[in-house]
C-alpha atoms as a PDB file:
ATOM      1  CA  MET A   1      21.326   7.545   5.165  1.00  0.00           C
ATOM      2  CA  SER A   2      18.546   5.221   6.303  1.00  0.00           C
ATOM      3  CA  HIS A   3      15.397   4.931   4.251  1.00  0.00           C
ATOM      4  CA  LYS A   4      12.132   5.962   5.882  1.00  0.00           C
ATOM      5  CA  ILE A   5       9.094   3.685   5.845  1.00  0.00           C
ATOM      6  CA  LEU A   6       5.556   4.626   6.807  1.00  0.00           C
ATOM      7  CA  ALA A   7       3.351   1.642   7.585  1.00  0.00           C
ATOM      8  CA  ALA A   8      -0.394   2.062   8.030  1.00  0.00           C
ATOM      9  CA  ASP A   9      -2.692  -0.692   9.261  1.00  0.00           C
ATOM     10  CA  ASP A  10      -5.558  -0.868  11.747  1.00  0.00           C
ATOM     11  CA  ASP A  11      -4.089  -4.091  13.195  1.00  0.00           C
ATOM     12  CA  LEU A  12      -1.690  -3.017  15.959  1.00  0.00           C
ATOM     13  CA  TYR A  13       0.015  -6.428  15.963  1.00  0.00           C
ATOM     14  CA  ILE A  14       0.946  -5.988  12.294  1.00  0.00           C
ATOM     15  CA  LEU A  15       2.261  -2.471  12.952  1.00  0.00           C
ATOM     16  CA  GLU A  16       4.471  -3.774  15.774  1.00  0.00           C
ATOM     17  CA  LEU A  17       5.705  -6.544  13.494  1.00  0.00           C
ATOM     18  CA  TYR A  18       6.566  -4.043  10.748  1.00  0.00           C
ATOM     19  CA  LYS A  19       8.294  -1.746  13.225  1.00  0.00           C
ATOM     20  CA  ALA A  20      10.423  -4.575  14.646  1.00  0.00           C
ATOM     21  CA  LEU A  21      11.243  -6.028  11.216  1.00  0.00           C
ATOM     22  CA  PHE A  22      12.259  -2.806   9.517  1.00  0.00           C
ATOM     23  CA  SER A  23      13.922  -1.119  12.498  1.00  0.00           C
ATOM     24  CA  GLY A  24      16.010  -4.265  12.863  1.00  0.00           C
ATOM     25  CA  GLU A  25      17.115  -3.834   9.246  1.00  0.00           C
ATOM     26  CA  GLY A  26      18.166  -0.205   9.815  1.00  0.00           C
ATOM     27  CA  PHE A  27      15.103   1.567   8.435  1.00  0.00           C
ATOM     28  CA  ILE A  28      13.454   4.533  10.157  1.00  0.00           C
ATOM     29  CA  VAL A  29       9.831   3.500  10.725  1.00  0.00           C
ATOM     30  CA  GLU A  30       6.681   5.454  11.509  1.00  0.00           C
ATOM     31  CA  THR A  31       3.250   3.892  11.837  1.00  0.00           C
ATOM     32  CA  ALA A  32      -0.365   5.000  11.591  1.00  0.00           C
ATOM     33  CA  GLU A  33      -3.570   3.185  12.565  1.00  0.00           C
ATOM     34  CA  ASP A  34      -5.825   4.735   9.911  1.00  0.00           C
ATOM     35  CA  ALA A  35      -5.747   6.555   6.591  1.00  0.00           C
ATOM     36  CA  VAL A  36      -6.136  10.043   8.062  1.00  0.00           C
ATOM     37  CA  GLY A  37      -3.198   9.470  10.433  1.00  0.00           C
ATOM     38  CA  ALA A  38      -1.111   8.058   7.590  1.00  0.00           C
ATOM     39  CA  MET A  39      -1.726  11.095   5.391  1.00  0.00           C
ATOM     40  CA  ALA A  40      -0.857  13.494   8.214  1.00  0.00           C
ATOM     41  CA  LYS A  41       2.289  11.563   9.138  1.00  0.00           C
ATOM     42  CA  HIS A  42       3.403  11.292   5.534  1.00  0.00           C
ATOM     43  CA  ASP A  43       3.156  15.044   5.021  1.00  0.00           C
ATOM     44  CA  ASP A  44       5.601  15.568   7.915  1.00  0.00           C
ATOM     45  CA  PHE A  45       7.689  12.385   7.710  1.00  0.00           C
ATOM     46  CA  LYS A  46       8.229  12.294   3.929  1.00  0.00           C
ATOM     47  CA  ALA A  47       8.563   8.518   3.759  1.00  0.00           C
ATOM     48  CA  ASP A  48      10.655   6.876   1.063  1.00  0.00           C
ATOM     49  CA  LEU A  49       8.181   3.985   0.910  1.00  0.00           C
ATOM     50  CA  LEU A  50       4.680   3.249   2.197  1.00  0.00           C
ATOM     51  CA  ILE A  51       3.141  -0.039   3.286  1.00  0.00           C
ATOM     52  CA  LEU A  52      -0.625   0.334   3.300  1.00  0.00           C
ATOM     53  CA  ASP A  53      -3.467  -1.843   4.474  1.00  0.00           C
ATOM     54  CA  VAL A  54      -6.299  -1.531   1.978  1.00  0.00           C
ATOM     55  CA  ASP A  55      -9.186  -1.845   4.424  1.00  0.00           C
ATOM     56  CA  MET A  56      -8.689   0.499   7.366  1.00  0.00           C
ATOM     57  CA  PRO A  57     -10.655   3.423   8.831  1.00  0.00           C
ATOM     58  CA  GLY A  58     -10.503   6.870   7.282  1.00  0.00           C
ATOM     59  CA  GLY A  59     -10.660   5.851   3.635  1.00  0.00           C
ATOM     60  CA  GLY A  60      -8.216   2.962   3.550  1.00  0.00           C
ATOM     61  CA  GLY A  61      -4.935   2.564   1.770  1.00  0.00           C
ATOM     62  CA  GLN A  62      -6.319   3.770  -1.546  1.00  0.00           C
ATOM     63  CA  ALA A  63      -7.120   7.166  -0.022  1.00  0.00           C
ATOM     64  CA  VAL A  64      -3.551   7.443   1.271  1.00  0.00           C
ATOM     65  CA  PHE A  65      -2.198   6.372  -2.124  1.00  0.00           C
ATOM     66  CA  ALA A  66      -4.276   9.017  -3.917  1.00  0.00           C
ATOM     67  CA  HIS A  67      -3.194  11.703  -1.420  1.00  0.00           C
ATOM     68  CA  VAL A  68       0.501  10.886  -1.693  1.00  0.00           C
ATOM     69  CA  ARG A  69       0.543  10.542  -5.462  1.00  0.00           C
ATOM     70  CA  SER A  70      -1.474  13.731  -6.067  1.00  0.00           C
ATOM     71  CA  ALA A  71       0.309  15.894  -3.504  1.00  0.00           C
ATOM     72  CA  LEU A  72       3.845  15.169  -4.650  1.00  0.00           C
ATOM     73  CA  ASP A  73       5.792  15.261  -7.876  1.00  0.00           C
ATOM     74  CA  VAL A  74       7.723  12.147  -6.896  1.00  0.00           C
ATOM     75  CA  CYS A  75       6.425   8.628  -7.341  1.00  0.00           C
ATOM     76  CA  THR A  76       6.774   7.266  -3.808  1.00  0.00           C
ATOM     77  CA  PRO A  77       6.806   3.452  -3.864  1.00  0.00           C
ATOM     78  CA  VAL A  78       3.770   1.818  -2.260  1.00  0.00           C
ATOM     79  CA  ILE A  79       3.161  -1.734  -1.106  1.00  0.00           C
ATOM     80  CA  PHE A  80      -0.479  -2.622  -0.563  1.00  0.00           C
ATOM     81  CA  SER A  81      -0.879  -5.402   1.990  1.00  0.00           C
ATOM     82  CA  THR A  82      -4.344  -6.879   1.796  1.00  0.00           C
ATOM     83  CA  GLY A  83      -6.412  -9.977   2.267  1.00  0.00           C
ATOM     84  CA  ILE A  84      -8.466  -9.048  -0.794  1.00  0.00           C
ATOM     85  CA  VAL A  85      -6.031  -8.488  -3.657  1.00  0.00           C
ATOM     86  CA  GLU A  86      -8.881  -7.888  -6.094  1.00  0.00           C
ATOM     87  CA  SER A  87      -9.805  -4.661  -4.291  1.00  0.00           C
ATOM     88  CA  VAL A  88      -6.613  -2.980  -5.554  1.00  0.00           C
ATOM     89  CA  ALA A  89      -5.958  -5.048  -8.682  1.00  0.00           C
ATOM     90  CA  HIS A  90      -6.662  -1.955 -10.806  1.00  0.00           C
ATOM     91  CA  LEU A  91      -3.532  -0.333  -9.278  1.00  0.00           C
ATOM     92  CA  LYS A  92      -1.128  -3.196 -10.095  1.00  0.00           C
ATOM     93  CA  ASP A  93       0.156  -1.470 -13.238  1.00  0.00           C
ATOM     94  CA  SER A  94       0.749   1.865 -11.493  1.00  0.00           C
ATOM     95  CA  PRO A  95       4.404   2.848 -11.328  1.00  0.00           C
ATOM     96  CA  ARG A  96       6.245   1.528  -8.275  1.00  0.00           C
ATOM     97  CA  VAL A  97       3.263  -0.267  -6.747  1.00  0.00           C
ATOM     98  CA  SER A  98       3.325  -3.777  -5.323  1.00  0.00           C
ATOM     99  CA  ILE A  99       0.383  -5.752  -4.007  1.00  0.00           C
ATOM    100  CA  LEU A 100       1.019  -8.498  -1.457  1.00  0.00           C
ATOM    101  CA  LYS A 101      -1.630 -10.823  -0.069  1.00  0.00           C
ATOM    102  CA  LYS A 102      -1.994 -11.087   3.709  1.00  0.00           C
ATOM    103  CA  PRO A 103      -0.663 -12.802   5.654  1.00  0.00           C
ATOM    104  CA  VAL A 104       2.581 -11.474   4.190  1.00  0.00           C
ATOM    105  CA  ASP A 105       5.771 -13.436   4.756  1.00  0.00           C
ATOM    106  CA  CYS A 106       8.361 -11.138   6.410  1.00  0.00           C
ATOM    107  CA  GLY A 107      11.124 -12.272   4.056  1.00  0.00           C
ATOM    108  CA  ARG A 108       8.960 -11.584   1.010  1.00  0.00           C
ATOM    109  CA  LEU A 109       7.964  -8.173   2.355  1.00  0.00           C
ATOM    110  CA  LEU A 110      11.561  -7.186   3.090  1.00  0.00           C
ATOM    111  CA  ALA A 111      12.644  -8.334  -0.380  1.00  0.00           C
ATOM    112  CA  GLU A 112       9.868  -6.274  -1.981  1.00  0.00           C
ATOM    113  CA  VAL A 113      10.823  -3.176   0.054  1.00  0.00           C
ATOM    114  CA  ASN A 114      14.466  -3.511  -0.984  1.00  0.00           C
ATOM    115  CA  LEU A 115      13.485  -4.049  -4.618  1.00  0.00           C
ATOM    116  CA  LEU A 116      11.280  -0.941  -4.739  1.00  0.00           C
ATOM    117  CA  LEU A 117      13.851   1.215  -2.929  1.00  0.00           C
ATOM    118  CA  ALA A 118      16.677   0.023  -5.196  1.00  0.00           C
ATOM    119  CA  ALA A 119      14.692   1.242  -8.187  1.00  0.00           C
ATOM    120  CA  HIS A 120      14.389   4.669  -6.540  1.00  0.00           C
END
């Protein structure tokens, strides 16, 4: 069974990059352009892992993180992709959370996804 990834970012180029990268590796990928869309998609899609931009419309990645972690009993892995790592530094010790600084190297991102999913 293929793992499902939900990627949320307000940069459409980055979303296309994620979709191409992860689809090419056999993942099922959904994308959202803002936090509200990501929360709605997650509730239906039930992603195995989320990649979240911190600074996007609708509350940003932290709002999505709070929604997902409070709404579910499971600890869905989350990768925060951000240009300002300090804005989510307080979450670095949360279970199954990774923080990667933009621009993120595709190889590094893929390795981090596989690492978090292997621990699932």
